[in-house]
């Protein structure tokens, strides 16, 4: 089985492609000064780019986990999510609250997508 690692950094890969699937690392905003809605939009842009590099797109997302630093930010996160989401291809999704590594980050998103 071939394994491809995309957007490699010091400690992790942004995504790993293997066995017909794309596993996304937890994606955080490039600009931590944005509000929750802006950070979410930035993360979703990054996810689009990683999925494209892997050879797939958001319509093939199977599952997504959203971690919010404060669960009360869910409505703001959902505004960006709803603008981005393909309503004909909604993934299974879980949204939880958790402490993020950098206190400026308000949102982290990970998921798994299928290749065509």
PDB file of N, CA and C in Angstrom:
ATOM      1  N   UNK A   1       0.841  -1.175   0.000  1.00  0.00           N
ATOM      2  CA  UNK A   1       0.000   0.000   0.000  1.00  0.00           C
ATOM      3  C   UNK A   1       0.885   1.237   0.000  1.00  0.00           C
ATOM      4  N   UNK A   2       0.671   2.108  -0.970  1.00  0.00           N
ATOM      5  CA  UNK A   2       1.416   3.364  -1.051  1.00  0.00           C
ATOM      6  C   UNK A   2       0.830   4.368  -0.056  1.00  0.00           C
ATOM      7  N   UNK A   3       1.710   5.147   0.551  1.00  0.00           N
ATOM      8  CA  UNK A   3       1.307   6.201   1.483  1.00  0.00           C
ATOM      9  C   UNK A   3       1.920   7.507   1.001  1.00  0.00           C
ATOM     10  N   UNK A   4       1.075   8.546   0.878  1.00  0.00           N
ATOM     11  CA  UNK A   4       1.562   9.887   0.525  1.00  0.00           C
ATOM     12  C   UNK A   4       1.301  10.810   1.706  1.00  0.00           C
ATOM     13  N   UNK A   5       2.305  11.617   2.006  1.00  0.00           N
ATOM     14  CA  UNK A   5       2.183  12.588   3.094  1.00  0.00           C
ATOM     15  C   UNK A   5       2.233  13.981   2.477  1.00  0.00           C
ATOM     16  N   UNK A   6       1.233  14.792   2.772  1.00  0.00           N
ATOM     17  CA  UNK A   6       1.098  16.119   2.186  1.00  0.00           C
ATOM     18  C   UNK A   6       1.350  17.196   3.234  1.00  0.00           C
ATOM     19  N   UNK A   7       1.885  18.328   2.780  1.00  0.00           N
ATOM     20  CA  UNK A   7       2.089  19.496   3.647  1.00  0.00           C
ATOM     21  C   UNK A   7       2.816  19.104   4.935  1.00  0.00           C
ATOM     22  N   UNK A   8       3.965  18.430   4.758  1.00  0.00           N
ATOM     23  CA  UNK A   8       4.720  17.978   5.926  1.00  0.00           C
ATOM     24  C   UNK A   8       5.317  19.156   6.677  1.00  0.00           C
ATOM     25  N   UNK A   9       5.245  19.082   7.996  1.00  0.00           N
ATOM     26  CA  UNK A   9       5.825  20.065   8.895  1.00  0.00           C
ATOM     27  C   UNK A   9       6.788  19.342   9.820  1.00  0.00           C
ATOM     28  N   UNK A  10       7.305  20.036  10.801  1.00  0.00           N
ATOM     29  CA  UNK A  10       8.286  19.447  11.712  1.00  0.00           C
ATOM     30  C   UNK A  10       7.750  18.208  12.427  1.00  0.00           C
ATOM     31  N   UNK A  11       6.516  18.262  12.906  1.00  0.00           N
ATOM     32  CA  UNK A  11       5.988  17.182  13.731  1.00  0.00           C
ATOM     33  C   UNK A  11       4.866  16.375  13.092  1.00  0.00           C
ATOM     34  N   UNK A  12       4.359  16.820  11.938  1.00  0.00           N
ATOM     35  CA  UNK A  12       3.188  16.153  11.388  1.00  0.00           C
ATOM     36  C   UNK A  12       3.058  16.430   9.904  1.00  0.00           C
ATOM     37  N   UNK A  13       2.168  15.695   9.294  1.00  0.00           N
ATOM     38  CA  UNK A  13       1.770  15.954   7.906  1.00  0.00           C
ATOM     39  C   UNK A  13       0.383  16.588   7.946  1.00  0.00           C
ATOM     40  N   UNK A  14       0.130  17.507   7.029  1.00  0.00           N
ATOM     41  CA  UNK A  14      -1.186  18.142   6.961  1.00  0.00           C
ATOM     42  C   UNK A  14      -2.262  17.154   6.574  1.00  0.00           C
ATOM     43  N   UNK A  15      -1.874  16.154   5.796  1.00  0.00           N
ATOM     44  CA  UNK A  15      -2.794  15.090   5.396  1.00  0.00           C
ATOM     45  C   UNK A  15      -1.974  13.866   5.018  1.00  0.00           C
ATOM     46  N   UNK A  16      -2.583  12.708   5.168  1.00  0.00           N
ATOM     47  CA  UNK A  16      -1.966  11.454   4.760  1.00  0.00           C
ATOM     48  C   UNK A  16      -2.961  10.736   3.852  1.00  0.00           C
ATOM     49  N   UNK A  17      -2.458  10.274   2.702  1.00  0.00           N
ATOM     50  CA  UNK A  17      -3.289   9.597   1.712  1.00  0.00           C
ATOM     51  C   UNK A  17      -2.854   8.135   1.653  1.00  0.00           C
ATOM     52  N   UNK A  18      -3.808   7.242   1.876  1.00  0.00           N
ATOM     53  CA  UNK A  18      -3.500   5.815   1.833  1.00  0.00           C
ATOM     54  C   UNK A  18      -4.797   5.017   1.708  1.00  0.00           C
ATOM     55  N   UNK A  19      -4.717   3.928   0.977  1.00  0.00           N
ATOM     56  CA  UNK A  19      -5.825   2.976   0.914  1.00  0.00           C
ATOM     57  C   UNK A  19      -7.157   3.622   0.517  1.00  0.00           C
ATOM     58  N   UNK A  20      -7.089   4.599  -0.390  1.00  0.00           N
ATOM     59  CA  UNK A  20      -8.301   5.231  -0.895  1.00  0.00           C
ATOM     60  C   UNK A  20      -8.904   6.298  -0.014  1.00  0.00           C
ATOM     61  N   UNK A  21      -8.198   6.675   1.049  1.00  0.00           N
ATOM     62  CA  UNK A  21      -8.699   7.668   1.990  1.00  0.00           C
ATOM     63  C   UNK A  21      -7.680   8.783   2.209  1.00  0.00           C
ATOM     64  N   UNK A  22      -8.177   9.931   2.636  1.00  0.00           N
ATOM     65  CA  UNK A  22      -7.334  11.074   3.005  1.00  0.00           C
ATOM     66  C   UNK A  22      -7.656  11.421   4.452  1.00  0.00           C
ATOM     67  N   UNK A  23      -6.665  11.326   5.309  1.00  0.00           N
ATOM     68  CA  UNK A  23      -6.816  11.696   6.717  1.00  0.00           C
ATOM     69  C   UNK A  23      -6.227  13.084   6.890  1.00  0.00           C
ATOM     70  N   UNK A  24      -7.031  14.021   7.359  1.00  0.00           N
ATOM     71  CA  UNK A  24      -6.582  15.390   7.602  1.00  0.00           C
ATOM     72  C   UNK A  24      -6.096  15.530   9.032  1.00  0.00           C
ATOM     73  N   UNK A  25      -4.934  16.169   9.194  1.00  0.00           N
ATOM     74  CA  UNK A  25      -4.498  16.551  10.536  1.00  0.00           C
ATOM     75  C   UNK A  25      -5.422  17.652  11.031  1.00  0.00           C
ATOM     76  N   UNK A  26      -5.402  17.915  12.305  1.00  0.00           N
ATOM     77  CA  UNK A  26      -6.172  19.038  12.829  1.00  0.00           C
ATOM     78  C   UNK A  26      -5.675  20.324  12.197  1.00  0.00           C
ATOM     79  N   UNK A  27      -6.560  21.017  11.513  1.00  0.00           N
ATOM     80  CA  UNK A  27      -6.219  22.259  10.827  1.00  0.00           C
ATOM     81  C   UNK A  27      -6.651  23.439  11.694  1.00  0.00           C
ATOM     82  N   UNK A  28      -5.755  24.404  11.816  1.00  0.00           N
ATOM     83  CA  UNK A  28      -6.049  25.626  12.570  1.00  0.00           C
ATOM     84  C   UNK A  28      -5.827  26.819  11.652  1.00  0.00           C
ATOM     85  N   UNK A  29      -6.351  27.950  12.040  1.00  0.00           N
ATOM     86  CA  UNK A  29      -6.274  29.150  11.211  1.00  0.00           C
ATOM     87  C   UNK A  29      -4.834  29.627  11.045  1.00  0.00           C
ATOM     88  N   UNK A  30      -4.515  30.063   9.833  1.00  0.00           N
ATOM     89  CA  UNK A  30      -3.220  30.705   9.594  1.00  0.00           C
ATOM     90  C   UNK A  30      -3.159  32.052  10.304  1.00  0.00           C
ATOM     91  N   UNK A  31      -4.310  32.717  10.422  1.00  0.00           N
ATOM     92  CA  UNK A  31      -4.398  34.029  11.062  1.00  0.00           C
ATOM     93  C   UNK A  31      -5.211  33.892  12.349  1.00  0.00           C
ATOM     94  N   UNK A  32      -4.503  33.752  13.459  1.00  0.00           N
ATOM     95  CA  UNK A  32      -5.163  33.539  14.753  1.00  0.00           C
ATOM     96  C   UNK A  32      -5.838  34.799  15.274  1.00  0.00           C
ATOM     97  N   UNK A  33      -5.644  35.941  14.620  1.00  0.00           N
ATOM     98  CA  UNK A  33      -6.301  37.171  15.078  1.00  0.00           C
ATOM     99  C   UNK A  33      -7.754  37.255  14.615  1.00  0.00           C
ATOM    100  N   UNK A  34      -8.161  36.367  13.697  1.00  0.00           N
ATOM    101  CA  UNK A  34      -9.543  36.368  13.202  1.00  0.00           C
ATOM    102  C   UNK A  34     -10.511  35.890  14.283  1.00  0.00           C
ATOM    103  N   UNK A  35     -11.775  36.291  14.151  1.00  0.00           N
ATOM    104  CA  UNK A  35     -12.798  35.776  15.056  1.00  0.00           C
ATOM    105  C   UNK A  35     -13.100  34.320  14.676  1.00  0.00           C
ATOM    106  N   UNK A  36     -13.983  33.682  15.413  1.00  0.00           N
ATOM    107  CA  UNK A  36     -14.285  32.261  15.197  1.00  0.00           C
ATOM    108  C   UNK A  36     -14.781  31.999  13.780  1.00  0.00           C
ATOM    109  N   UNK A  37     -15.664  32.841  13.292  1.00  0.00           N
ATOM    110  CA  UNK A  37     -16.186  32.657  11.942  1.00  0.00           C
ATOM    111  C   UNK A  37     -15.061  32.787  10.911  1.00  0.00           C
ATOM    112  N   UNK A  38     -14.197  33.780  11.090  1.00  0.00           N
ATOM    113  CA  UNK A  38     -13.068  33.969  10.178  1.00  0.00           C
ATOM    114  C   UNK A  38     -12.065  32.828  10.261  1.00  0.00           C
ATOM    115  N   UNK A  39     -11.766  32.370  11.481  1.00  0.00           N
ATOM    116  CA  UNK A  39     -10.846  31.237  11.622  1.00  0.00           C
ATOM    117  C   UNK A  39     -11.427  29.995  10.948  1.00  0.00           C
ATOM    118  N   UNK A  40     -12.718  29.769  11.122  1.00  0.00           N
ATOM    119  CA  UNK A  40     -13.349  28.601  10.495  1.00  0.00           C
ATOM    120  C   UNK A  40     -13.245  28.689   8.977  1.00  0.00           C
ATOM    121  N   UNK A  41     -13.546  29.849   8.403  1.00  0.00           N
ATOM    122  CA  UNK A  41     -13.454  30.023   6.952  1.00  0.00           C
ATOM    123  C   UNK A  41     -12.029  29.777   6.469  1.00  0.00           C
ATOM    124  N   UNK A  42     -11.047  30.257   7.221  1.00  0.00           N
ATOM    125  CA  UNK A  42      -9.645  30.053   6.861  1.00  0.00           C
ATOM    126  C   UNK A  42      -9.290  28.568   6.886  1.00  0.00           C
ATOM    127  N   UNK A  43      -9.740  27.869   7.900  1.00  0.00           N
ATOM    128  CA  UNK A  43      -9.478  26.427   8.014  1.00  0.00           C
ATOM    129  C   UNK A  43     -10.132  25.670   6.862  1.00  0.00           C
ATOM    130  N   UNK A  44     -11.359  26.016   6.536  1.00  0.00           N
ATOM    131  CA  UNK A  44     -12.065  25.331   5.452  1.00  0.00           C
ATOM    132  C   UNK A  44     -11.367  25.571   4.112  1.00  0.00           C
ATOM    133  N   UNK A  45     -10.795  26.752   3.924  1.00  0.00           N
ATOM    134  CA  UNK A  45      -9.994  27.032   2.726  1.00  0.00           C
ATOM    135  C   UNK A  45      -8.785  26.091   2.687  1.00  0.00           C
ATOM    136  N   UNK A  46      -8.135  25.920   3.832  1.00  0.00           N
ATOM    137  CA  UNK A  46      -6.982  25.009   3.904  1.00  0.00           C
ATOM    138  C   UNK A  46      -7.399  23.573   3.607  1.00  0.00           C
ATOM    139  N   UNK A  47      -8.542  23.167   4.126  1.00  0.00           N
ATOM    140  CA  UNK A  47      -9.040  21.812   3.874  1.00  0.00           C
ATOM    141  C   UNK A  47      -9.302  21.625   2.386  1.00  0.00           C
ATOM    142  N   UNK A  48      -9.929  22.612   1.748  1.00  0.00           N
ATOM    143  CA  UNK A  48     -10.144  22.533   0.298  1.00  0.00           C
ATOM    144  C   UNK A  48      -8.826  22.316  -0.437  1.00  0.00           C
ATOM    145  N   UNK A  49      -7.791  23.063  -0.048  1.00  0.00           N
ATOM    146  CA  UNK A  49      -6.489  22.964  -0.718  1.00  0.00           C
ATOM    147  C   UNK A  49      -5.854  21.592  -0.488  1.00  0.00           C
ATOM    148  N   UNK A  50      -5.902  21.082   0.731  1.00  0.00           N
ATOM    149  CA  UNK A  50      -5.323  19.763   1.014  1.00  0.00           C
ATOM    150  C   UNK A  50      -6.063  18.661   0.263  1.00  0.00           C
ATOM    151  N   UNK A  51      -7.393  18.745   0.253  1.00  0.00           N
ATOM    152  CA  UNK A  51      -8.164  17.731  -0.461  1.00  0.00           C
ATOM    153  C   UNK A  51      -7.873  17.780  -1.954  1.00  0.00           C
ATOM    154  N   UNK A  52      -7.738  18.980  -2.518  1.00  0.00           N
ATOM    155  CA  UNK A  52      -7.404  19.107  -3.940  1.00  0.00           C
ATOM    156  C   UNK A  52      -6.036  18.501  -4.221  1.00  0.00           C
ATOM    157  N   UNK A  53      -5.066  18.784  -3.355  1.00  0.00           N
ATOM    158  CA  UNK A  53      -3.729  18.215  -3.537  1.00  0.00           C
ATOM    159  C   UNK A  53      -3.766  16.690  -3.468  1.00  0.00           C
ATOM    160  N   UNK A  54      -4.643  16.161  -2.641  1.00  0.00           N
ATOM    161  CA  UNK A  54      -4.775  14.707  -2.506  1.00  0.00           C
ATOM    162  C   UNK A  54      -5.535  14.084  -3.676  1.00  0.00           C
ATOM    163  N   UNK A  55      -6.271  14.917  -4.432  1.00  0.00           N
ATOM    164  CA  UNK A  55      -7.021  14.402  -5.573  1.00  0.00           C
ATOM    165  C   UNK A  55      -8.495  14.190  -5.301  1.00  0.00           C
ATOM    166  N   UNK A  56      -9.028  14.902  -4.317  1.00  0.00           N
ATOM    167  CA  UNK A  56     -10.445  14.772  -3.984  1.00  0.00           C
ATOM    168  C   UNK A  56     -10.997  16.140  -3.612  1.00  0.00           C
ATOM    169  N   UNK A  57     -12.193  16.177  -3.040  1.00  0.00           N
ATOM    170  CA  UNK A  57     -12.774  17.460  -2.640  1.00  0.00           C
ATOM    171  C   UNK A  57     -13.750  17.245  -1.489  1.00  0.00           C
ATOM    172  N   UNK A  58     -14.313  18.350  -0.991  1.00  0.00           N
ATOM    173  CA  UNK A  58     -15.169  18.292   0.197  1.00  0.00           C
ATOM    174  C   UNK A  58     -16.424  17.454   0.005  1.00  0.00           C
ATOM    175  N   UNK A  59     -16.842  17.237  -1.236  1.00  0.00           N
ATOM    176  CA  UNK A  59     -18.028  16.403  -1.463  1.00  0.00           C
ATOM    177  C   UNK A  59     -17.769  14.948  -1.098  1.00  0.00           C
ATOM    178  N   UNK A  60     -16.497  14.586  -0.880  1.00  0.00           N
ATOM    179  CA  UNK A  60     -16.134  13.205  -0.558  1.00  0.00           C
ATOM    180  C   UNK A  60     -15.695  13.054   0.904  1.00  0.00           C
ATOM    181  N   UNK A  61     -15.924  14.124   1.706  1.00  0.00           N
ATOM    182  CA  UNK A  61     -15.646  14.009   3.138  1.00  0.00           C
ATOM    183  C   UNK A  61     -16.596  12.993   3.757  1.00  0.00           C
ATOM    184  N   UNK A  62     -16.049  12.101   4.556  1.00  0.00           N
ATOM    185  CA  UNK A  62     -16.841  11.081   5.229  1.00  0.00           C
ATOM    186  C   UNK A  62     -17.205  11.510   6.643  1.00  0.00           C
ATOM    187  N   UNK A  63     -16.213  12.040   7.345  1.00  0.00           N
ATOM    188  CA  UNK A  63     -16.405  12.444   8.731  1.00  0.00           C
ATOM    189  C   UNK A  63     -15.551  13.665   9.029  1.00  0.00           C
ATOM    190  N   UNK A  64     -16.051  14.515   9.906  1.00  0.00           N
ATOM    191  CA  UNK A  64     -15.342  15.726  10.325  1.00  0.00           C
ATOM    192  C   UNK A  64     -15.514  15.872  11.834  1.00  0.00           C
ATOM    193  N   UNK A  65     -14.439  16.268  12.497  1.00  0.00           N
ATOM    194  CA  UNK A  65     -14.503  16.625  13.911  1.00  0.00           C
ATOM    195  C   UNK A  65     -14.087  18.082  14.047  1.00  0.00           C
ATOM    196  N   UNK A  66     -14.935  18.863  14.685  1.00  0.00           N
ATOM    197  CA  UNK A  66     -14.664  20.277  14.951  1.00  0.00           C
ATOM    198  C   UNK A  66     -14.424  20.421  16.450  1.00  0.00           C
ATOM    199  N   UNK A  67     -13.296  21.012  16.808  1.00  0.00           N
ATOM    200  CA  UNK A  67     -12.999  21.290  18.211  1.00  0.00           C
ATOM    201  C   UNK A  67     -13.052  22.804  18.391  1.00  0.00           C
ATOM    202  N   UNK A  68     -13.885  23.234  19.315  1.00  0.00           N
ATOM    203  CA  UNK A  68     -14.006  24.652  19.639  1.00  0.00           C
ATOM    204  C   UNK A  68     -13.411  24.904  21.016  1.00  0.00           C
ATOM    205  N   UNK A  69     -12.658  25.980  21.155  1.00  0.00           N
ATOM    206  CA  UNK A  69     -12.128  26.346  22.465  1.00  0.00           C
ATOM    207  C   UNK A  69     -13.276  26.674  23.416  1.00  0.00           C
ATOM    208  N   UNK A  70     -14.369  27.206  22.875  1.00  0.00           N
ATOM    209  CA  UNK A  70     -15.557  27.534  23.662  1.00  0.00           C
ATOM    210  C   UNK A  70     -16.785  27.101  22.865  1.00  0.00           C
ATOM    211  N   UNK A  71     -17.520  26.146  23.366  1.00  0.00           N
ATOM    212  CA  UNK A  71     -18.663  25.583  22.633  1.00  0.00           C
ATOM    213  C   UNK A  71     -19.713  26.647  22.327  1.00  0.00           C
ATOM    214  N   UNK A  72     -19.711  27.737  23.074  1.00  0.00           N
ATOM    215  CA  UNK A  72     -20.659  28.822  22.796  1.00  0.00           C
ATOM    216  C   UNK A  72     -20.372  29.492  21.451  1.00  0.00           C
ATOM    217  N   UNK A  73     -19.209  29.200  20.859  1.00  0.00           N
ATOM    218  CA  UNK A  73     -18.860  29.745  19.542  1.00  0.00           C
ATOM    219  C   UNK A  73     -19.432  28.915  18.397  1.00  0.00           C
ATOM    220  N   UNK A  74     -20.193  27.874  18.714  1.00  0.00           N
ATOM    221  CA  UNK A  74     -20.744  27.007  17.662  1.00  0.00           C
ATOM    222  C   UNK A  74     -21.571  27.778  16.628  1.00  0.00           C
ATOM    223  N   UNK A  75     -22.422  28.715  16.997  1.00  0.00           N
ATOM    224  CA  UNK A  75     -23.183  29.435  15.968  1.00  0.00           C
ATOM    225  C   UNK A  75     -22.287  30.191  14.976  1.00  0.00           C
ATOM    226  N   UNK A  76     -21.225  30.824  15.456  1.00  0.00           N
ATOM    227  CA  UNK A  76     -20.306  31.542  14.566  1.00  0.00           C
ATOM    228  C   UNK A  76     -19.565  30.567  13.654  1.00  0.00           C
ATOM    229  N   UNK A  77     -19.116  29.438  14.220  1.00  0.00           N
ATOM    230  CA  UNK A  77     -18.457  28.417  13.404  1.00  0.00           C
ATOM    231  C   UNK A  77     -19.427  27.891  12.351  1.00  0.00           C
ATOM    232  N   UNK A  78     -20.662  27.643  12.742  1.00  0.00           N
ATOM    233  CA  UNK A  78     -21.648  27.102  11.809  1.00  0.00           C
ATOM    234  C   UNK A  78     -21.981  28.060  10.669  1.00  0.00           C
ATOM    235  N   UNK A  79     -21.899  29.360  10.896  1.00  0.00           N
ATOM    236  CA  UNK A  79     -22.146  30.305   9.798  1.00  0.00           C
ATOM    237  C   UNK A  79     -21.133  30.088   8.675  1.00  0.00           C
ATOM    238  N   UNK A  80     -19.854  29.966   9.026  1.00  0.00           N
ATOM    239  CA  UNK A  80     -18.821  29.713   8.005  1.00  0.00           C
ATOM    240  C   UNK A  80     -18.996  28.320   7.409  1.00  0.00           C
ATOM    241  N   UNK A  81     -19.276  27.340   8.251  1.00  0.00           N
ATOM    242  CA  UNK A  81     -19.472  25.959   7.797  1.00  0.00           C
ATOM    243  C   UNK A  81     -20.617  25.878   6.786  1.00  0.00           C
ATOM    244  N   UNK A  82     -21.733  26.520   7.116  1.00  0.00           N
ATOM    245  CA  UNK A  82     -22.911  26.442   6.260  1.00  0.00           C
ATOM    246  C   UNK A  82     -22.673  27.090   4.899  1.00  0.00           C
ATOM    247  N   UNK A  83     -21.887  28.168   4.851  1.00  0.00           N
ATOM    248  CA  UNK A  83     -21.541  28.796   3.558  1.00  0.00           C
ATOM    249  C   UNK A  83     -20.675  27.864   2.713  1.00  0.00           C
ATOM    250  N   UNK A  84     -19.840  27.053   3.357  1.00  0.00           N
ATOM    251  CA  UNK A  84     -18.867  26.194   2.682  1.00  0.00           C
ATOM    252  C   UNK A  84     -19.443  24.829   2.297  1.00  0.00           C
ATOM    253  N   UNK A  85     -20.350  24.332   3.109  1.00  0.00           N
ATOM    254  CA  UNK A  85     -20.851  22.969   2.971  1.00  0.00           C
ATOM    255  C   UNK A  85     -21.593  22.742   1.660  1.00  0.00           C
ATOM    256  N   UNK A  86     -21.332  21.598   1.044  1.00  0.00           N
ATOM    257  CA  UNK A  86     -22.122  21.141  -0.092  1.00  0.00           C
ATOM    258  C   UNK A  86     -23.341  20.435   0.496  1.00  0.00           C
ATOM    259  N   UNK A  87     -24.554  21.030   0.391  1.00  0.00           N
ATOM    260  CA  UNK A  87     -25.714  20.427   1.050  1.00  0.00           C
ATOM    261  C   UNK A  87     -26.083  19.050   0.512  1.00  0.00           C
ATOM    262  N   UNK A  88     -25.580  18.689  -0.649  1.00  0.00           N
ATOM    263  CA  UNK A  88     -25.858  17.364  -1.207  1.00  0.00           C
ATOM    264  C   UNK A  88     -24.836  16.321  -0.752  1.00  0.00           C
ATOM    265  N   UNK A  89     -23.827  16.758  -0.002  1.00  0.00           N
ATOM    266  CA  UNK A  89     -22.757  15.825   0.398  1.00  0.00           C
ATOM    267  C   UNK A  89     -22.284  16.149   1.810  1.00  0.00           C
ATOM    268  N   UNK A  90     -23.189  16.094   2.768  1.00  0.00           N
ATOM    269  CA  UNK A  90     -22.843  16.418   4.155  1.00  0.00           C
ATOM    270  C   UNK A  90     -22.108  15.249   4.810  1.00  0.00           C
ATOM    271  N   UNK A  91     -20.930  15.510   5.403  1.00  0.00           N
ATOM    272  CA  UNK A  91     -20.237  14.433   6.124  1.00  0.00           C
ATOM    273  C   UNK A  91     -20.870  14.211   7.495  1.00  0.00           C
ATOM    274  N   UNK A  92     -20.569  13.078   8.093  1.00  0.00           N
ATOM    275  CA  UNK A  92     -20.873  12.895   9.508  1.00  0.00           C
ATOM    276  C   UNK A  92     -19.991  13.899  10.254  1.00  0.00           C
ATOM    277  N   UNK A  93     -20.528  14.543  11.283  1.00  0.00           N
ATOM    278  CA  UNK A  93     -19.751  15.583  11.968  1.00  0.00           C
ATOM    279  C   UNK A  93     -19.990  15.523  13.462  1.00  0.00           C
ATOM    280  N   UNK A  94     -18.920  15.786  14.198  1.00  0.00           N
ATOM    281  CA  UNK A  94     -19.000  15.922  15.645  1.00  0.00           C
ATOM    282  C   UNK A  94     -18.364  17.258  16.009  1.00  0.00           C
ATOM    283  N   UNK A  95     -18.977  17.981  16.929  1.00  0.00           N
ATOM    284  CA  UNK A  95     -18.421  19.238  17.420  1.00  0.00           C
ATOM    285  C   UNK A  95     -18.278  19.132  18.923  1.00  0.00           C
ATOM    286  N   UNK A  96     -17.056  19.393  19.402  1.00  0.00           N
ATOM    287  CA  UNK A  96     -16.776  19.289  20.833  1.00  0.00           C
ATOM    288  C   UNK A  96     -16.010  20.519  21.297  1.00  0.00           C
ATOM    289  N   UNK A  97     -15.958  20.692  22.611  1.00  0.00           N
ATOM    290  CA  UNK A  97     -15.141  21.735  23.210  1.00  0.00           C
ATOM    291  C   UNK A  97     -13.861  21.107  23.721  1.00  0.00           C
ATOM    292  N   UNK A  98     -12.738  21.793  23.510  1.00  0.00           N
ATOM    293  CA  UNK A  98     -11.465  21.299  24.015  1.00  0.00           C
ATOM    294  C   UNK A  98     -10.439  22.408  24.051  1.00  0.00           C
ATOM    295  N   UNK A  99      -9.451  22.248  24.892  1.00  0.00           N
ATOM    296  CA  UNK A  99      -8.357  23.211  24.968  1.00  0.00           C
ATOM    297  C   UNK A  99      -7.461  23.023  23.750  1.00  0.00           C
ATOM    298  N   UNK A 100      -7.164  24.112  23.047  1.00  0.00           N
ATOM    299  CA  UNK A 100      -6.279  24.053  21.892  1.00  0.00           C
ATOM    300  C   UNK A 100      -4.880  24.500  22.302  1.00  0.00           C
ATOM    301  N   UNK A 101      -3.862  24.074  21.556  1.00  0.00           N
ATOM    302  CA  UNK A 101      -2.466  24.309  21.931  1.00  0.00           C
ATOM    303  C   UNK A 101      -2.149  25.798  22.081  1.00  0.00           C
ATOM    304  N   UNK A 102      -2.629  26.606  21.148  1.00  0.00           N
ATOM    305  CA  UNK A 102      -2.391  28.053  21.187  1.00  0.00           C
ATOM    306  C   UNK A 102      -3.695  28.717  21.626  1.00  0.00           C
ATOM    307  N   UNK A 103      -3.700  29.483  22.694  1.00  0.00           N
ATOM    308  CA  UNK A 103      -4.950  30.073  23.178  1.00  0.00           C
ATOM    309  C   UNK A 103      -5.591  31.056  22.191  1.00  0.00           C
ATOM    310  N   UNK A 104      -4.869  31.495  21.186  1.00  0.00           N
ATOM    311  CA  UNK A 104      -5.452  32.378  20.164  1.00  0.00           C
ATOM    312  C   UNK A 104      -6.306  31.590  19.181  1.00  0.00           C
ATOM    313  N   UNK A 105      -6.053  30.297  19.047  1.00  0.00           N
ATOM    314  CA  UNK A 105      -6.869  29.463  18.173  1.00  0.00           C
ATOM    315  C   UNK A 105      -8.205  29.212  18.836  1.00  0.00           C
ATOM    316  N   UNK A 106      -9.269  29.389  18.083  1.00  0.00           N
ATOM    317  CA  UNK A 106     -10.621  29.192  18.601  1.00  0.00           C
ATOM    318  C   UNK A 106     -11.275  27.941  18.004  1.00  0.00           C
ATOM    319  N   UNK A 107     -10.678  27.437  16.890  1.00  0.00           N
ATOM    320  CA  UNK A 107     -11.277  26.316  16.156  1.00  0.00           C
ATOM    321  C   UNK A 107     -10.162  25.415  15.620  1.00  0.00           C
ATOM    322  N   UNK A 108     -10.387  24.114  15.643  1.00  0.00           N
ATOM    323  CA  UNK A 108      -9.520  23.138  14.970  1.00  0.00           C
ATOM    324  C   UNK A 108     -10.446  22.119  14.323  1.00  0.00           C
ATOM    325  N   UNK A 109     -10.121  21.767  13.078  1.00  0.00           N
ATOM    326  CA  UNK A 109     -10.983  20.842  12.315  1.00  0.00           C
ATOM    327  C   UNK A 109     -10.126  19.743  11.694  1.00  0.00           C
ATOM    328  N   UNK A 110     -10.596  18.509  11.824  1.00  0.00           N
ATOM    329  CA  UNK A 110      -9.964  17.365  11.202  1.00  0.00           C
ATOM    330  C   UNK A 110     -11.041  16.530  10.521  1.00  0.00           C
ATOM    331  N   UNK A 111     -10.624  15.609   9.668  1.00  0.00           N
ATOM    332  CA  UNK A 111     -11.606  14.762   9.007  1.00  0.00           C
ATOM    333  C   UNK A 111     -10.971  13.697   8.148  1.00  0.00           C
ATOM    334  N   UNK A 112     -11.829  12.901   7.538  1.00  0.00           N
ATOM    335  CA  UNK A 112     -11.406  11.836   6.626  1.00  0.00           C
ATOM    336  C   UNK A 112     -12.266  11.943   5.360  1.00  0.00           C
ATOM    337  N   UNK A 113     -11.599  11.882   4.205  1.00  0.00           N
ATOM    338  CA  UNK A 113     -12.294  11.943   2.918  1.00  0.00           C
ATOM    339  C   UNK A 113     -11.922  10.731   2.087  1.00  0.00           C
ATOM    340  N   UNK A 114     -12.804  10.380   1.166  1.00  0.00           N
ATOM    341  CA  UNK A 114     -12.553   9.284   0.224  1.00  0.00           C
ATOM    342  C   UNK A 114     -11.966   9.869  -1.060  1.00  0.00           C
ATOM    343  N   UNK A 115     -11.100   9.091  -1.694  1.00  0.00           N
ATOM    344  CA  UNK A 115     -10.636   9.449  -3.020  1.00  0.00           C
ATOM    345  C   UNK A 115     -11.679   9.006  -4.052  1.00  0.00           C
ATOM    346  N   UNK A 116     -11.722   9.654  -5.213  1.00  0.00           N
ATOM    347  CA  UNK A 116     -12.684   9.215  -6.245  1.00  0.00           C
ATOM    348  C   UNK A 116     -12.359   7.823  -6.757  1.00  0.00           C
TER     349      UNK A 116
END
